[in-house]
Amino acid sequence: MRAAKLLIPALALLAACSDPAARSQAQVAELAQPTKAPPATAEGLKTSFAPVVKRAAPAVVNVSSKRVVRQRVDPFWDMFTGGAGGRQRVSQSLGSGAIVRSDGVILTNNHNIEGADEILVQLADRREFPAKVLLADPRSDLAVLKIDVGAERLPVLAIDDQEAIEVGDLVLAIGNPFGVGQTVTNGIISAMSRSSVGITDYGFFIQTDAAINPGNSGGPLVDMDGDLIGINTAILSRSGTSSGVGFAIPAAMARQVLNAALGGSHAVVRPWLGARTQTVTADVAKSLGLAGPRGVLVTDVWDGGPAQRAGIRKGDVILALGGQPVNDEGAATYQFGSRRTGEQVSVLILREGKEKTLTARADPPPGGKARDERAIAGANPLQGASVASLSPAVADELGVDPFDSRGVVITRVAQGFAQQAGLKPGDLIRQINGGEIRSMTDLDTAIAAGGRVWRMTIQRDGKLITAVFRT
């Protein structure tokens, strides 16, 4: 089990333990469309879920991955070998997935295949195929795989992101818990819109009491039509096994990642509202004259962003996005971020005691990729790191709050002094040898000044960390 963020210590992710050719292959077959085909009679449904299982189970696969990791034997000896010593071992991960296109396109969890050197997919009929990654999206914990089945057409699960699902609806979870083989469990939707559980950056989960365990990760949560409505991802457990509180990524997010992969993208570009918000608590609601806590309070607006262009102001309370209520920052991020780029999204706000509907265009964060990104070389603490100017796009990619401040951010860390010093992507460089770092020019000046002793301050997770290095 892999520990998730510390918001809920007991929360664990269920981990057991594109090139041009891929792009052209990805256009071969069409996605299956959800259809209404429930069991023939209500009496039949009451006695058995077999008709639903027969429809869905053939499209559920096992996903296993392997990666070679090095175990440190003697840190002292590593000083002389440059970290190249130690023993190697093979780390294995086992999860599940769902075939969503008949030519072998599969949805699974990113944590099932992250860092893998080899990925193997086993179909329901026990045939095995090597898989390649079309797209991996750590921020949503989703990945899209492709296996080569030639001209064969595989059974598929239709993605249903249109039907309104409700608390109390019957669902099935299908996967490979503990590696015992394909297993089906049933339950209900226990809650919707769980967004403050600290699993992913775009967390907005379906909660279910269908039993899911290690190995179920990436498997489908299906409704009584046999359609995929979610990807099982995490459980809340003190023992590491199912306690009846499981979380699935909604189908809308899965489709967004899938569409990006099939379009040939190597990353998911999501719309960004450009408004900093905070949850309206009971105290905040009282201060605003609200009858009760609802919506999110806008505390800052990015100049020129979608929110400002829509007319949203600091102090407004956003009550709904696209007709869906939002009651915390996670819900606001998901509801806008899961829209299609360019879509017009209605925004219901409360301003000076009156409700008003505005329209925001779902545009990606400005700044694009880190165009001024470059690797740092030479005898300095940043040697081996890549840095770039902080923009909303770079901040979104790294999971950094762009409203915190502008400046220079570490985007990648390769082997070198920076890695040994413990620097990480997302660290903001604030000071070097007493000089403020507000731009790439400031950084160049500080590095050019050189020296054998370096005093550097970075900002990580809102905290300032200062350290002294000798090079």
Protein backbone atom coordinates (compact mmCIF):
# COMPACT_ATOMS: atom_id res chain seq x y z
CA MET A 1 0.00 0.00 0.00
CA ARG A 2 1.26 3.44 -0.84
CA ALA A 3 0.63 6.17 1.72
CA ALA A 4 -1.26 9.19 0.44
CA LYS A 5 -1.08 12.79 1.65
CA LEU A 6 -1.19 13.43 5.36
CA LEU A 7 -4.67 14.93 5.37
CA ILE A 8 -5.89 11.44 6.26
CA PRO A 9 -3.01 9.34 7.58
CA ALA A 10 -4.92 6.09 7.13
CA LEU A 11 -5.63 6.69 3.46
CA ALA A 12 -3.67 4.36 1.18
CA LEU A 13 -3.49 4.05 -2.57
CA LEU A 14 -4.19 0.54 -3.80
CA ALA A 15 -0.78 -0.51 -5.08
CA ALA A 16 0.05 -4.17 -4.53
CA CYS A 17 3.15 -4.48 -3.34
CA SER A 18 3.47 8.41 -27.73
CA ASP A 19 5.10 7.96 -30.35
CA PRO A 20 3.71 8.60 -33.93
CA ALA A 21 3.05 4.90 -34.47
CA ALA A 22 1.04 4.71 -31.27
CA ARG A 23 -0.86 7.80 -32.33
CA SER A 24 -1.86 6.29 -35.67
CA GLN A 25 -2.86 3.02 -34.03
CA ALA A 26 -4.96 4.94 -31.54
CA GLN A 27 -7.24 6.15 -34.32
CA VAL A 28 -8.19 2.67 -35.56
CA ALA A 29 -11.33 1.97 -33.56
CA GLU A 30 -14.06 4.07 -32.03
CA LEU A 31 -14.89 4.20 -28.36
CA ALA A 32 -17.88 2.20 -27.22
CA GLN A 33 -20.94 4.23 -26.34
CA PRO A 34 -22.92 3.57 -23.15
CA THR A 35 -26.30 1.97 -23.73
CA LYS A 36 -29.23 1.19 -21.51
CA ALA A 37 -29.38 -2.58 -21.23
CA PRO A 38 -30.32 -3.58 -17.68
CA PRO A 39 -31.13 -7.17 -16.71
CA ALA A 40 -34.32 -8.38 -18.35
CA THR A 41 -36.48 -8.24 -15.21
CA ALA A 42 -36.39 -6.60 -11.81
CA GLU A 43 -36.77 -10.05 -10.29
CA GLY A 44 -33.68 -11.24 -12.12
CA LEU A 45 -31.66 -8.31 -10.77
CA LYS A 46 -32.75 -9.07 -7.24
CA THR A 47 -31.50 -12.62 -7.48
CA SER A 48 -28.28 -12.14 -9.43
CA PHE A 49 -25.83 -9.56 -10.80
CA ALA A 50 -24.68 -12.15 -13.34
CA PRO A 51 -26.08 -10.36 -16.43
CA VAL A 52 -24.12 -7.21 -15.56
CA VAL A 53 -20.96 -9.18 -14.78
CA LYS A 54 -21.15 -11.11 -18.06
CA ARG A 55 -21.26 -7.83 -19.92
CA ALA A 56 -18.51 -6.02 -18.03
CA ALA A 57 -16.01 -8.61 -16.80
CA PRO A 58 -14.50 -9.64 -20.18
CA ALA A 59 -13.19 -6.06 -20.57
CA VAL A 60 -11.36 -6.03 -17.21
CA VAL A 61 -7.64 -6.86 -17.25
CA ASN A 62 -4.77 -7.41 -14.84
CA VAL A 63 -1.90 -4.92 -15.05
CA SER A 64 1.50 -5.94 -13.70
CA SER A 65 4.66 -3.88 -13.84
CA LYS A 66 8.31 -4.36 -12.97
CA ARG A 67 11.09 -1.91 -12.29
CA VAL A 68 14.68 -2.33 -11.19
CA VAL A 69 15.60 -0.44 -8.03
CA ARG A 70 18.93 -0.10 -6.30
CA GLN A 71 19.23 -0.81 -2.61
CA ARG A 72 21.85 1.16 -0.75
CA VAL A 73 24.22 -1.09 1.15
CA ASP A 74 26.71 1.37 2.62
CA PRO A 75 26.18 5.16 2.41
CA PHE A 76 29.88 5.66 3.18
CA TRP A 77 30.89 3.56 0.16
CA ASP A 78 28.43 5.56 -2.01
CA MET A 79 30.60 8.62 -1.41
CA PHE A 80 33.37 6.95 -3.41
CA THR A 81 31.22 5.34 -6.10
CA GLY A 82 29.09 8.40 -6.85
CA GLY A 83 25.99 6.54 -5.74
CA ALA A 84 26.51 3.76 -8.28
CA GLY A 85 27.04 1.01 -5.72
CA GLY A 86 24.48 -1.14 -3.99
CA ARG A 87 22.43 -4.13 -4.98
CA GLN A 88 19.67 -4.23 -7.55
CA ARG A 89 16.29 -5.81 -6.99
CA VAL A 90 13.13 -6.06 -9.06
CA SER A 91 10.11 -4.25 -7.63
CA GLN A 92 6.75 -5.55 -8.84
CA SER A 93 3.31 -3.95 -8.79
CA LEU A 94 -0.05 -5.56 -9.49
CA GLY A 95 -3.26 -3.76 -10.36
CA SER A 96 -6.22 -3.81 -12.70
CA GLY A 97 -7.46 -1.96 -15.76
CA ALA A 98 -10.37 -1.59 -18.16
CA ILE A 99 -10.35 -1.98 -21.94
CA VAL A 100 -12.06 1.12 -23.31
CA ARG A 101 -11.34 0.65 -27.02
CA SER A 102 -11.48 -2.58 -28.94
CA ASP A 103 -8.00 -2.21 -30.47
CA GLY A 104 -6.38 -2.57 -27.04
CA VAL A 105 -6.56 0.85 -25.34
CA ILE A 106 -6.70 0.44 -21.55
CA LEU A 107 -7.36 2.77 -18.62
CA THR A 108 -5.63 2.14 -15.29
CA ASN A 109 -4.09 4.02 -12.36
CA ASN A 110 -0.81 5.83 -12.85
CA HIS A 111 0.57 4.46 -9.59
CA ASN A 112 0.23 0.93 -11.04
CA ILE A 113 2.82 1.65 -13.74
CA GLU A 114 4.80 4.64 -12.47
CA GLY A 115 8.53 4.19 -13.08
CA ALA A 116 8.02 0.76 -14.65
CA ASP A 117 10.62 -0.79 -16.92
CA GLU A 118 8.18 -3.44 -18.10
CA ILE A 119 4.36 -3.54 -18.18
CA LEU A 120 2.36 -6.70 -18.83
CA VAL A 121 -1.40 -6.91 -19.37
CA GLN A 122 -3.33 -10.15 -18.84
CA LEU A 123 -6.76 -10.38 -20.45
CA ALA A 124 -9.75 -12.11 -18.89
CA ASP A 125 -8.99 -15.19 -21.03
CA ARG A 126 -5.47 -15.24 -19.47
CA ARG A 127 -3.58 -14.22 -22.61
CA GLU A 128 -0.73 -11.82 -21.89
CA PHE A 129 0.54 -8.83 -23.87
CA PRO A 130 3.30 -6.30 -23.28
CA ALA A 131 1.91 -2.77 -22.96
CA LYS A 132 3.26 0.69 -23.70
CA VAL A 133 2.18 3.91 -22.06
CA LEU A 134 0.32 6.36 -24.30
CA LEU A 135 -0.06 8.91 -21.51
CA ALA A 136 0.58 8.99 -17.76
CA ASP A 137 -1.06 11.70 -15.66
CA PRO A 138 0.19 11.66 -12.05
CA ARG A 139 -2.02 14.61 -11.06
CA SER A 140 -5.20 12.57 -11.60
CA ASP A 141 -3.46 9.21 -10.98
CA LEU A 142 -4.63 7.89 -14.36
CA ALA A 143 -2.70 6.27 -17.19
CA VAL A 144 -3.62 5.10 -20.69
CA LEU A 145 -1.96 1.93 -22.00
CA LYS A 146 -1.94 0.24 -25.41
CA ILE A 147 -1.47 -3.41 -26.28
CA ASP A 148 -1.05 -4.76 -29.81
CA VAL A 149 -3.77 -7.30 -30.62
CA GLY A 150 -3.48 -7.01 -34.40
CA ALA A 151 -6.82 -7.05 -36.20
CA GLU A 152 -8.64 -8.62 -33.23
CA ARG A 153 -11.38 -6.62 -31.57
CA LEU A 154 -11.51 -6.96 -27.79
CA PRO A 155 -14.54 -6.58 -25.52
CA VAL A 156 -14.82 -3.06 -24.15
CA LEU A 157 -16.39 -1.08 -21.32
CA ALA A 158 -18.29 2.03 -22.34
CA ILE A 159 -17.44 5.16 -20.35
CA ASP A 160 -20.62 6.73 -19.00
CA ASP A 161 -19.93 10.30 -17.90
CA GLN A 162 -23.34 11.69 -18.84
CA GLU A 163 -25.85 9.85 -16.68
CA ALA A 164 -26.57 11.39 -13.30
CA ILE A 165 -25.52 8.92 -10.63
CA GLU A 166 -26.84 9.20 -7.10
CA VAL A 167 -26.05 8.08 -3.60
CA GLY A 168 -27.68 4.70 -3.13
CA ASP A 169 -27.19 3.47 -6.72
CA LEU A 170 -26.01 -0.13 -6.99
CA VAL A 171 -22.46 -0.62 -8.31
CA LEU A 172 -19.95 -3.42 -8.93
CA ALA A 173 -16.18 -3.25 -8.47
CA ILE A 174 -14.19 -5.61 -10.69
CA GLY A 175 -10.46 -6.24 -10.32
CA ASN A 176 -7.71 -8.53 -9.13
CA PRO A 177 -7.38 -8.09 -5.34
CA PHE A 178 -4.21 -9.56 -3.82
CA GLY A 179 -3.47 -11.22 -7.17
CA VAL A 180 -6.00 -14.01 -6.57
CA GLY A 181 -7.66 -13.50 -9.96
CA GLN A 182 -10.60 -11.57 -11.31
CA THR A 183 -13.05 -10.81 -8.53
CA VAL A 184 -16.41 -9.03 -8.45
CA THR A 185 -17.81 -7.25 -5.40
CA ASN A 186 -20.99 -5.26 -5.10
CA GLY A 187 -22.16 -2.31 -3.07
CA ILE A 188 -23.72 1.10 -3.44
CA ILE A 189 -22.52 4.63 -4.05
CA SER A 190 -22.02 5.81 -0.48
CA ALA A 191 -21.27 9.47 -1.23
CA MET A 192 -20.44 11.80 -4.08
CA SER A 193 -18.00 14.65 -4.63
CA ARG A 194 -15.42 13.64 -2.04
CA SER A 195 -12.74 16.26 -2.66
CA SER A 196 -10.82 16.73 0.58
CA VAL A 197 -9.25 13.31 0.96
CA GLY A 198 -5.72 14.18 -0.19
CA ILE A 199 -5.32 11.50 -2.87
CA THR A 200 -4.69 13.52 -6.05
CA ASP A 201 -4.47 17.14 -7.14
CA TYR A 202 -7.76 16.77 -9.04
CA GLY A 203 -9.59 14.80 -6.39
CA PHE A 204 -13.37 14.63 -6.69
CA PHE A 205 -14.22 11.05 -5.88
CA ILE A 206 -17.11 8.66 -5.91
CA GLN A 207 -17.23 6.88 -2.54
CA THR A 208 -18.41 3.29 -2.47
CA ASP A 209 -18.76 0.46 0.02
CA ALA A 210 -18.07 -2.21 -2.63
CA ALA A 211 -15.09 -4.12 -1.27
CA ILE A 212 -11.83 -3.05 -2.96
CA ASN A 213 -8.38 -4.13 -1.86
CA PRO A 214 -4.74 -3.98 -3.03
CA GLY A 215 -4.76 -5.12 -6.65
CA ASN A 216 -8.14 -3.50 -7.42
CA SER A 217 -6.37 -0.24 -8.33
CA GLY A 218 -7.25 0.83 -11.86
CA GLY A 219 -10.19 -1.55 -12.11
CA PRO A 220 -13.63 -0.26 -13.09
CA LEU A 221 -16.55 0.73 -10.93
CA VAL A 222 -19.57 -0.15 -13.06
CA ASP A 223 -23.26 0.65 -12.85
CA MET A 224 -26.18 -1.70 -13.44
CA ASP A 225 -25.98 -1.05 -17.18
CA GLY A 226 -22.48 -2.51 -17.19
CA ASP A 227 -20.88 0.87 -17.99
CA LEU A 228 -17.76 2.34 -16.42
CA ILE A 229 -18.62 5.20 -14.07
CA GLY A 230 -15.31 5.33 -12.19
CA ILE A 231 -11.77 3.97 -11.77
CA ASN A 232 -11.18 2.41 -8.33
CA THR A 233 -8.17 4.15 -6.81
CA ALA A 234 -7.95 4.24 -3.01
CA ILE A 235 -9.38 3.04 0.27
CA LEU A 236 -9.65 4.47 3.73
CA SER A 237 -8.30 1.79 6.01
CA ARG A 238 -6.30 1.31 9.18
CA SER A 239 -5.41 -2.26 8.30
CA GLY A 240 -4.57 -1.90 4.61
CA THR A 241 -7.62 -3.92 3.58
CA SER A 242 -11.17 -2.93 2.71
CA SER A 243 -13.21 -1.33 5.46
CA GLY A 244 -16.09 -0.32 3.24
CA VAL A 245 -14.77 3.14 2.35
CA GLY A 246 -13.38 3.15 -1.17
CA PHE A 247 -12.83 5.94 -3.68
CA ALA A 248 -13.14 5.94 -7.48
CA ILE A 249 -12.09 8.61 -9.99
CA PRO A 250 -15.22 9.77 -11.87
CA ALA A 251 -15.71 8.82 -15.52
CA ALA A 252 -15.54 12.47 -16.63
CA MET A 253 -11.92 12.76 -15.48
CA ALA A 254 -11.09 9.38 -17.03
CA ARG A 255 -12.51 10.47 -20.36
CA GLN A 256 -10.52 13.71 -20.29
CA VAL A 257 -7.25 11.81 -19.83
CA LEU A 258 -8.25 9.23 -22.45
CA ASN A 259 -9.14 11.89 -25.03
CA ALA A 260 -5.77 13.58 -24.47
CA ALA A 261 -3.96 10.28 -25.04
CA LEU A 262 -5.94 9.41 -28.17
CA GLY A 263 -5.31 12.91 -29.50
CA GLY A 264 -1.57 12.25 -29.37
CA SER A 265 -0.81 14.43 -26.35
CA HIS A 266 1.88 13.51 -23.86
CA ALA A 267 0.25 15.55 -21.08
CA VAL A 268 -3.25 16.61 -20.09
CA VAL A 269 -3.90 20.32 -20.52
CA ARG A 270 -6.69 21.33 -18.19
CA PRO A 271 -8.63 24.59 -17.98
CA TRP A 272 -7.64 26.95 -15.17
CA LEU A 273 -10.13 29.37 -13.65
CA GLY A 274 -7.52 31.87 -12.50
CA ALA A 275 -9.17 32.52 -9.15
CA ARG A 276 -7.83 31.70 -5.72
CA THR A 277 -10.60 30.47 -3.44
CA GLN A 278 -11.23 29.30 0.09
CA THR A 279 -13.99 27.17 1.55
CA VAL A 280 -16.86 29.08 3.11
CA THR A 281 -16.95 27.88 6.71
CA ALA A 282 -19.71 28.63 9.20
CA ASP A 283 -17.77 31.63 10.51
CA VAL A 284 -17.09 32.96 7.02
CA ALA A 285 -20.75 32.44 6.07
CA LYS A 286 -21.83 34.43 9.11
CA SER A 287 -19.47 37.29 8.24
CA LEU A 288 -20.87 37.35 4.69
CA GLY A 289 -24.47 37.29 5.89
CA LEU A 290 -25.18 33.83 4.44
CA ALA A 291 -27.80 31.58 5.98
CA GLY A 292 -25.30 28.72 6.02
CA PRO A 293 -21.90 27.66 4.66
CA ARG A 294 -21.94 27.09 0.89
CA GLY A 295 -19.75 27.90 -2.06
CA VAL A 296 -16.16 29.16 -2.15
CA LEU A 297 -14.96 32.68 -1.44
CA VAL A 298 -12.78 34.33 -4.11
CA THR A 299 -9.69 35.76 -2.38
CA ASP A 300 -7.63 36.67 -5.46
CA VAL A 301 -8.06 36.87 -9.24
CA TRP A 302 -5.29 36.46 -11.83
CA ASP A 303 -4.97 39.41 -14.20
CA GLY A 304 -6.23 38.40 -17.63
CA GLY A 305 -7.34 34.93 -16.52
CA PRO A 306 -10.72 33.34 -17.30
CA ALA A 307 -12.21 34.47 -13.98
CA GLN A 308 -11.31 38.12 -14.49
CA ARG A 309 -12.50 38.09 -18.10
CA ALA A 310 -15.80 36.62 -16.91
CA GLY A 311 -16.24 39.47 -14.44
CA ILE A 312 -15.49 37.54 -11.24
CA ARG A 313 -14.12 39.76 -8.49
CA LYS A 314 -12.31 39.34 -5.22
CA GLY A 315 -14.97 38.89 -2.50
CA ASP A 316 -17.46 37.06 -4.73
CA VAL A 317 -18.76 33.69 -3.56
CA ILE A 318 -18.84 31.04 -6.30
CA LEU A 319 -21.86 28.81 -5.69
CA ALA A 320 -21.80 26.62 -8.81
CA LEU A 321 -19.74 25.92 -11.92
CA GLY A 322 -21.40 24.50 -15.00
CA GLY A 323 -24.58 23.95 -12.99
CA GLN A 324 -22.76 21.84 -10.39
CA PRO A 325 -22.54 23.13 -6.82
CA VAL A 326 -19.08 23.76 -5.38
CA ASN A 327 -18.52 23.75 -1.63
CA ASP A 328 -14.75 23.61 -1.33
CA GLU A 329 -11.60 24.47 -3.31
CA GLY A 330 -11.18 20.90 -4.58
CA ALA A 331 -14.66 20.88 -6.06
CA ALA A 332 -14.06 24.23 -7.78
CA THR A 333 -10.76 23.00 -9.25
CA TYR A 334 -12.36 19.78 -10.51
CA GLN A 335 -15.56 21.27 -11.92
CA PHE A 336 -13.67 23.80 -14.03
CA GLY A 337 -10.59 21.67 -14.72
CA SER A 338 -12.59 18.74 -16.09
CA ARG A 339 -14.27 20.87 -18.80
CA ARG A 340 -13.29 20.78 -22.45
CA THR A 341 -10.82 23.47 -23.46
CA GLY A 342 -12.71 26.38 -25.01
CA GLU A 343 -16.04 25.43 -23.45
CA GLN A 344 -18.24 28.22 -22.08
CA VAL A 345 -18.91 27.48 -18.40
CA SER A 346 -21.68 29.13 -16.40
CA VAL A 347 -20.55 30.51 -13.04
CA LEU A 348 -23.17 31.21 -10.39
CA ILE A 349 -21.86 33.77 -7.93
CA LEU A 350 -23.16 35.61 -4.89
CA ARG A 351 -22.24 39.30 -4.78
CA GLU A 352 -23.54 41.77 -2.22
CA GLY A 353 -26.33 39.38 -1.27
CA LYS A 354 -27.57 38.81 -4.83
CA GLU A 355 -27.03 35.80 -7.06
CA LYS A 356 -25.68 36.40 -10.55
CA THR A 357 -24.71 34.10 -13.41
CA LEU A 358 -21.53 34.82 -15.37
CA THR A 359 -19.85 32.90 -18.17
CA ALA A 360 -16.18 31.88 -18.14
CA ARG A 361 -14.27 30.37 -21.04
CA ALA A 362 -12.42 27.18 -20.06
CA ASP A 363 -8.90 28.16 -21.14
CA PRO A 364 -5.63 26.53 -20.05
CA PRO A 365 -3.33 28.41 -17.66
CA PRO A 366 -1.20 31.08 -19.37
CA GLY A 367 2.51 30.63 -19.85
CA GLY A 368 2.50 27.35 -21.74
CA LYS A 369 5.40 25.02 -21.15
CA ALA A 370 8.45 26.41 -19.38
CA ARG A 371 9.96 28.06 -22.46
CA ASP A 372 12.93 29.47 -20.55
CA GLU A 373 13.65 26.20 -18.76
CA ARG A 374 17.31 25.31 -18.63
CA ALA A 375 19.65 23.01 -16.76
CA ILE A 376 22.14 24.44 -14.28
CA ALA A 377 25.77 23.36 -14.47
CA GLY A 378 28.94 24.33 -12.66
CA ALA A 379 30.10 24.24 -9.05
CA ASN A 380 26.95 25.43 -7.25
CA PRO A 381 24.13 23.87 -5.19
CA LEU A 382 21.77 23.84 -8.21
CA GLN A 383 24.08 21.75 -10.38
CA GLY A 384 21.94 19.03 -12.01
CA ALA A 385 18.65 20.90 -11.55
CA SER A 386 16.50 22.47 -14.27
CA VAL A 387 14.84 25.79 -13.49
CA ALA A 388 12.25 28.07 -15.11
CA SER A 389 10.32 31.24 -14.45
CA LEU A 390 7.14 30.52 -12.51
CA SER A 391 3.97 30.96 -14.57
CA PRO A 392 0.44 29.63 -14.03
CA ALA A 393 1.12 26.86 -16.54
CA VAL A 394 4.38 25.80 -14.88
CA ALA A 395 2.77 26.10 -11.45
CA ASP A 396 -0.15 23.93 -12.55
CA GLU A 397 2.19 21.26 -13.93
CA LEU A 398 4.23 21.15 -10.72
CA GLY A 399 1.28 21.49 -8.33
CA VAL A 400 2.50 24.87 -7.06
CA ASP A 401 0.20 27.77 -6.18
CA PRO A 402 0.95 30.55 -8.71
CA PHE A 403 -0.64 33.11 -6.39
CA ASP A 404 2.03 32.48 -3.76
CA SER A 405 4.50 34.65 -5.61
CA ARG A 406 6.42 34.97 -8.85
CA GLY A 407 9.99 33.86 -9.19
CA VAL A 408 12.18 30.94 -10.27
CA VAL A 409 11.10 27.35 -9.68
CA ILE A 410 12.96 24.04 -9.90
CA THR A 411 11.25 21.95 -12.59
CA ARG A 412 13.41 18.83 -12.63
CA VAL A 413 16.28 17.33 -10.64
CA ALA A 414 18.76 14.98 -12.30
CA GLN A 415 21.87 13.39 -10.85
CA GLY A 416 24.15 16.04 -9.41
CA PHE A 417 24.71 18.29 -6.41
CA ALA A 418 21.05 19.44 -6.36
CA GLN A 419 19.85 15.85 -6.01
CA GLN A 420 22.31 15.14 -3.20
CA ALA A 421 21.19 18.34 -1.45
CA GLY A 422 17.58 17.13 -1.47
CA LEU A 423 16.15 19.75 -3.82
CA LYS A 424 12.85 18.79 -5.49
CA PRO A 425 10.69 19.88 -8.44
CA GLY A 426 8.36 22.60 -7.23
CA ASP A 427 10.90 24.22 -4.89
CA LEU A 428 10.92 27.99 -5.32
CA ILE A 429 14.35 29.63 -5.13
CA ARG A 430 14.02 32.66 -2.87
CA GLN A 431 17.55 33.75 -1.95
CA ILE A 432 21.16 32.90 -2.80
CA ASN A 433 23.92 34.38 -0.63
CA GLY A 434 21.58 37.08 0.64
CA GLY A 435 20.38 38.20 -2.80
CA GLU A 436 16.66 38.00 -3.65
CA ILE A 437 15.83 35.75 -6.63
CA ARG A 438 12.86 37.26 -8.46
CA SER A 439 13.82 36.36 -12.02
CA MET A 440 16.12 34.23 -14.13
CA THR A 441 18.41 37.26 -14.43
CA ASP A 442 18.74 37.42 -10.64
CA LEU A 443 19.61 33.72 -10.61
CA ASP A 444 22.24 34.11 -13.34
CA THR A 445 23.84 36.97 -11.41
CA ALA A 446 23.95 34.98 -8.16
CA ILE A 447 25.48 31.93 -9.83
CA ALA A 448 28.05 34.02 -11.73
CA ALA A 449 29.24 35.54 -8.44
CA GLY A 450 30.41 32.04 -7.52
CA GLY A 451 32.09 31.09 -4.29
CA ARG A 452 32.79 27.96 -2.28
CA VAL A 453 30.18 28.61 0.40
CA TRP A 454 26.55 29.07 -0.66
CA ARG A 455 23.67 30.12 1.55
CA MET A 456 20.40 29.33 -0.20
CA THR A 457 16.75 29.75 0.81
CA ILE A 458 13.95 27.86 -0.93
CA GLN A 459 10.20 27.80 -0.42
CA ARG A 460 8.54 24.39 -0.20
CA ASP A 461 4.90 23.75 0.74
CA GLY A 462 4.60 27.34 1.94
CA LYS A 463 7.62 27.09 4.26
CA LEU A 464 11.02 28.76 3.91
CA ILE A 465 14.05 26.49 4.24
CA THR A 466 17.59 27.87 4.47
CA ALA A 467 20.73 25.76 4.16
CA VAL A 468 24.48 26.33 3.73
CA PHE A 469 26.40 24.33 1.11
CA ARG A 470 30.07 23.98 0.29
CA THR A 471 31.07 23.18 -3.29
